[in-house]
Amino acid sequence: MTTWLSSLLALSGCCLILVAGIGLVRLPDLLCRCHAVAKALTLGTVLLLISAWLPLDGEDVGTEFFLAILFQLGTIPVAGHLVALVAYQKNIPLWKPPVLTNRETSGCREEHLINKDNHHRV
């Protein structure tokens, strides 16, 4: 039973670390990237440590794993916050979504309206 649970936790942790890597590459600006990496990497690393801890039934390494988990929970989010704080203080430009004008939004809507009676565009 612990083998299945350990495997499931390890797979979940690896998937979360993969999501953190994808977020690091795909997100538009530094603050979004820091947020994605801090959240997903922290949880993924904790899940991997727990999955390594479970098969060790009665051994005396529980304290070391517990301290490693606490260390990860304390350092990864703080490091992400500090990187974001320095980026904010240095006025690193943030991502701005593209702005659609009224012409672009109204023209798109009018082109796709079709009259059902004679199948002509309105």
C-alpha atoms as a PDB file:
ATOM      1  CA  MET A   1       0.000   0.000   0.000  1.00  0.00           C
ATOM      2  CA  THR A   2       2.769   2.444   0.846  1.00  0.00           C
ATOM      3  CA  THR A   3       4.444   1.669  -2.482  1.00  0.00           C
ATOM      4  CA  TRP A   4       1.370   2.803  -4.401  1.00  0.00           C
ATOM      5  CA  LEU A   5       0.940   5.895  -2.266  1.00  0.00           C
ATOM      6  CA  SER A   6       4.623   6.742  -2.555  1.00  0.00           C
ATOM      7  CA  SER A   7       4.480   6.323  -6.340  1.00  0.00           C
ATOM      8  CA  LEU A   8       1.379   8.487  -6.585  1.00  0.00           C
ATOM      9  CA  LEU A   9       2.972  11.238  -4.494  1.00  0.00           C
ATOM     10  CA  ALA A  10       6.185  11.085  -6.540  1.00  0.00           C
ATOM     11  CA  LEU A  11       4.251  11.310  -9.804  1.00  0.00           C
ATOM     12  CA  SER A  12       2.210  14.234  -8.488  1.00  0.00           C
ATOM     13  CA  GLY A  13       5.360  16.014  -7.322  1.00  0.00           C
ATOM     14  CA  CYS A  14       7.048  15.504 -10.692  1.00  0.00           C
ATOM     15  CA  CYS A  15       3.973  16.823 -12.511  1.00  0.00           C
ATOM     16  CA  LEU A  16       3.920  19.940 -10.330  1.00  0.00           C
ATOM     17  CA  ILE A  17       7.607  20.554 -10.930  1.00  0.00           C
ATOM     18  CA  LEU A  18       6.945  20.167 -14.662  1.00  0.00           C
ATOM     19  CA  VAL A  19       4.128  22.733 -14.381  1.00  0.00           C
ATOM     20  CA  ALA A  20       6.569  25.084 -12.618  1.00  0.00           C
ATOM     21  CA  GLY A  21       9.033  24.679 -15.470  1.00  0.00           C
ATOM     22  CA  ILE A  22       6.361  25.299 -18.091  1.00  0.00           C
ATOM     23  CA  GLY A  23       5.195  28.372 -16.180  1.00  0.00           C
ATOM     24  CA  LEU A  24       8.765  29.640 -16.073  1.00  0.00           C
ATOM     25  CA  VAL A  25       9.004  29.431 -19.854  1.00  0.00           C
ATOM     26  CA  ARG A  26       5.485  30.411 -20.907  1.00  0.00           C
ATOM     27  CA  LEU A  27       4.376  33.193 -18.571  1.00  0.00           C
ATOM     28  CA  PRO A  28       4.854  36.749 -19.830  1.00  0.00           C
ATOM     29  CA  ASP A  29       6.684  38.657 -17.099  1.00  0.00           C
ATOM     30  CA  LEU A  30       8.955  38.145 -14.133  1.00  0.00           C
ATOM     31  CA  LEU A  31       6.319  38.502 -11.416  1.00  0.00           C
ATOM     32  CA  CYS A  32       4.063  35.861 -12.978  1.00  0.00           C
ATOM     33  CA  ARG A  33       7.032  33.544 -13.375  1.00  0.00           C
ATOM     34  CA  CYS A  34       8.081  34.005  -9.737  1.00  0.00           C
ATOM     35  CA  HIS A  35       4.557  33.220  -8.598  1.00  0.00           C
ATOM     36  CA  ALA A  36       4.314  30.045 -10.683  1.00  0.00           C
ATOM     37  CA  VAL A  37       7.704  28.746  -9.662  1.00  0.00           C
ATOM     38  CA  ALA A  38       7.276  29.505  -5.963  1.00  0.00           C
ATOM     39  CA  LYS A  39       3.900  27.792  -5.643  1.00  0.00           C
ATOM     40  CA  ALA A  40       4.314  24.744  -7.869  1.00  0.00           C
ATOM     41  CA  LEU A  41       7.946  24.045  -7.032  1.00  0.00           C
ATOM     42  CA  THR A  42       7.329  24.209  -3.290  1.00  0.00           C
ATOM     43  CA  LEU A  43       4.416  21.790  -3.370  1.00  0.00           C
ATOM     44  CA  GLY A  44       6.147  19.488  -5.875  1.00  0.00           C
ATOM     45  CA  THR A  45       9.309  19.293  -3.791  1.00  0.00           C
ATOM     46  CA  VAL A  46       7.353  18.606  -0.606  1.00  0.00           C
ATOM     47  CA  LEU A  47       5.420  15.820  -2.341  1.00  0.00           C
ATOM     48  CA  LEU A  48       8.667  14.268  -3.583  1.00  0.00           C
ATOM     49  CA  LEU A  49      10.172  14.380  -0.091  1.00  0.00           C
ATOM     50  CA  ILE A  50       7.074  12.774   1.417  1.00  0.00           C
ATOM     51  CA  SER A  51       7.134  10.070  -1.270  1.00  0.00           C
ATOM     52  CA  ALA A  52      10.757   9.305  -0.395  1.00  0.00           C
ATOM     53  CA  TRP A  53       9.907   9.258   3.312  1.00  0.00           C
ATOM     54  CA  LEU A  54       6.991   6.789   3.133  1.00  0.00           C
ATOM     55  CA  PRO A  55       8.888   3.589   2.166  1.00  0.00           C
ATOM     56  CA  LEU A  56      11.240   4.036   5.128  1.00  0.00           C
ATOM     57  CA  ASP A  57       8.861   2.498   7.654  1.00  0.00           C
ATOM     58  CA  GLY A  58      10.636   2.356  10.977  1.00  0.00           C
ATOM     59  CA  GLU A  59      13.939   3.998  10.268  1.00  0.00           C
ATOM     60  CA  ASP A  60      15.157   7.033  12.183  1.00  0.00           C
ATOM     61  CA  VAL A  61      15.304   9.408   9.211  1.00  0.00           C
ATOM     62  CA  GLY A  62      11.883  10.908   9.824  1.00  0.00           C
ATOM     63  CA  THR A  63      13.323  13.930  11.587  1.00  0.00           C
ATOM     64  CA  GLU A  64      15.661  14.694   8.693  1.00  0.00           C
ATOM     65  CA  PHE A  65      12.839  14.485   6.154  1.00  0.00           C
ATOM     66  CA  PHE A  66      10.621  16.643   8.341  1.00  0.00           C
ATOM     67  CA  LEU A  67      13.344  19.278   8.651  1.00  0.00           C
ATOM     68  CA  ALA A  68      13.978  19.147   4.891  1.00  0.00           C
ATOM     69  CA  ILE A  69      10.269  19.727   4.244  1.00  0.00           C
ATOM     70  CA  LEU A  70      10.217  22.672   6.660  1.00  0.00           C
ATOM     71  CA  PHE A  71      13.323  24.083   4.995  1.00  0.00           C
ATOM     72  CA  GLN A  72      11.685  23.874   1.557  1.00  0.00           C
ATOM     73  CA  LEU A  73       8.496  25.480   2.852  1.00  0.00           C
ATOM     74  CA  GLY A  74      10.502  28.312   4.357  1.00  0.00           C
ATOM     75  CA  THR A  75      13.033  29.080   1.644  1.00  0.00           C
ATOM     76  CA  ILE A  76      11.418  28.658  -1.792  1.00  0.00           C
ATOM     77  CA  PRO A  77       8.530  31.124  -1.265  1.00  0.00           C
ATOM     78  CA  VAL A  78      10.826  33.650   0.414  1.00  0.00           C
ATOM     79  CA  ALA A  79      13.317  33.458  -2.468  1.00  0.00           C
ATOM     80  CA  GLY A  80      10.513  33.965  -4.993  1.00  0.00           C
ATOM     81  CA  HIS A  81       9.254  36.933  -3.028  1.00  0.00           C
ATOM     82  CA  LEU A  82      12.714  38.493  -2.863  1.00  0.00           C
ATOM     83  CA  VAL A  83      13.234  38.119  -6.625  1.00  0.00           C
ATOM     84  CA  ALA A  84       9.843  39.749  -7.248  1.00  0.00           C
ATOM     85  CA  LEU A  85      10.648  42.540  -4.780  1.00  0.00           C
ATOM     86  CA  VAL A  86      13.953  43.336  -6.496  1.00  0.00           C
ATOM     87  CA  ALA A  87      12.219  43.308  -9.892  1.00  0.00           C
ATOM     88  CA  TYR A  88       9.598  45.717  -8.554  1.00  0.00           C
ATOM     89  CA  GLN A  89      12.231  48.028  -7.079  1.00  0.00           C
ATOM     90  CA  LYS A  90      14.204  48.033 -10.345  1.00  0.00           C
ATOM     91  CA  ASN A  91      11.018  48.924 -12.291  1.00  0.00           C
ATOM     92  CA  ILE A  92      11.161  45.851 -14.522  1.00  0.00           C
ATOM     93  CA  PRO A  93       8.311  46.324 -17.038  1.00  0.00           C
ATOM     94  CA  LEU A  94       5.207  44.268 -16.389  1.00  0.00           C
ATOM     95  CA  TRP A  95       3.153  42.487 -19.000  1.00  0.00           C
ATOM     96  CA  LYS A  96       0.194  44.417 -20.354  1.00  0.00           C
ATOM     97  CA  PRO A  97      -2.583  42.634 -22.215  1.00  0.00           C
ATOM     98  CA  PRO A  98      -3.263  43.857 -25.753  1.00  0.00           C
ATOM     99  CA  VAL A  99      -5.967  46.507 -25.932  1.00  0.00           C
ATOM    100  CA  LEU A 100      -8.745  46.001 -28.485  1.00  0.00           C
ATOM    101  CA  THR A 101     -10.288  49.079 -30.002  1.00  0.00           C
ATOM    102  CA  ASN A 102     -14.007  49.471 -30.623  1.00  0.00           C
ATOM    103  CA  ARG A 103     -13.472  48.954 -34.338  1.00  0.00           C
ATOM    104  CA  GLU A 104     -11.819  45.579 -33.786  1.00  0.00           C
ATOM    105  CA  THR A 105     -14.454  44.286 -31.367  1.00  0.00           C
ATOM    106  CA  SER A 106     -17.525  45.558 -33.239  1.00  0.00           C
ATOM    107  CA  GLY A 107     -16.269  44.459 -36.674  1.00  0.00           C
ATOM    108  CA  CYS A 108     -15.611  40.949 -35.457  1.00  0.00           C
ATOM    109  CA  ARG A 109     -19.092  40.637 -34.060  1.00  0.00           C
ATOM    110  CA  GLU A 110     -20.878  41.982 -37.168  1.00  0.00           C
ATOM    111  CA  GLU A 111     -19.067  39.717 -39.609  1.00  0.00           C
ATOM    112  CA  HIS A 112     -20.338  36.548 -37.975  1.00  0.00           C
ATOM    113  CA  LEU A 113     -24.027  37.412 -37.672  1.00  0.00           C
ATOM    114  CA  ILE A 114     -26.059  35.546 -40.296  1.00  0.00           C
ATOM    115  CA  ASN A 115     -29.732  35.983 -41.054  1.00  0.00           C
ATOM    116  CA  LYS A 116     -31.394  32.554 -40.746  1.00  0.00           C
ATOM    117  CA  ASP A 117     -34.099  33.243 -43.353  1.00  0.00           C
ATOM    118  CA  ASN A 118     -31.975  33.967 -46.399  1.00  0.00           C
ATOM    119  CA  HIS A 119     -28.488  33.058 -45.141  1.00  0.00           C
ATOM    120  CA  HIS A 120     -27.065  36.504 -45.874  1.00  0.00           C
ATOM    121  CA  ARG A 121     -24.858  38.418 -43.575  1.00  0.00           C
ATOM    122  CA  VAL A 122     -26.536  41.171 -41.624  1.00  0.00           C
END
